[in-house]
Amino acid sequence: MIQKVTLFTNNEVLLKKSYDYFKTLKEMSLAVCSSYGKMTLNQDFNSEVIKFSGLKWELSDNLLSDFVAPIERNDIYNLALCLSEELYYVSKLSKLACAYSFSRFNFIESITGVLRKQATSLYALRDSKNSKKLFREINEMKATLNGVNSSIILLLRNNLNEAEKNAIDYVVADCFFDIYKSIDHTFSQVQKAIINNN
């Protein structure tokens, strides 16, 4: 007989552990947000990348040694990988930041707000009482992301259709698109964790 392992117990936190994984996931998300903000302001964001790496190593070490049910272990690790992917795309875009002004992109600020909401949603995973509400909120955030993605796709298409456009405009817009896609993937992974363990 297969026994279902649940992520939440007694409407409280996850199965009791010696390490707060969801606090660390939240801090990792905020480090991505901070690195993105510094990158768009042409500031050095290496300190945030180093902070993120330290948090990820700490999480991985605890995940290896702590008692965590297999389904939880997989969800936690996949969420950490999603955040790593986001940071990768921010780092990729940062290589263009010193030579390019992002001011003409009207969606530049919205990503900061989305990353903050992402951090909140990762931390909210600890509370089973609000899992259905969180699932709905993420659907709303994903709808907002889809709207922004549409505007980026339109920008990319315009750059393809107009030969006189600078090629770097296309590359930069494509990098932003990758960041938004990776955030959307993270939100999907949060929802998957809720479905798997609720």
Foldseek 3Di string as FASTA:
>chain_A
DDDAAFQADPQFFGDDKPDQLLLLLLLLLVLLLVLLVCLLVVHDSVVSVVVNVVSLVVNVVRLVVMDDPVLVSVLSNVLSVLSVQLSVLSVVLSVCSVPDHPVVLPCSVVVSVLSNVLSVLSNCLGGLVCLVVSLVVLVVSLVVLVVSLVVLVVQLVVPVVDVPDDPVSNVNSVSVNSNSVSSNVSSVSSNVSSVSRD
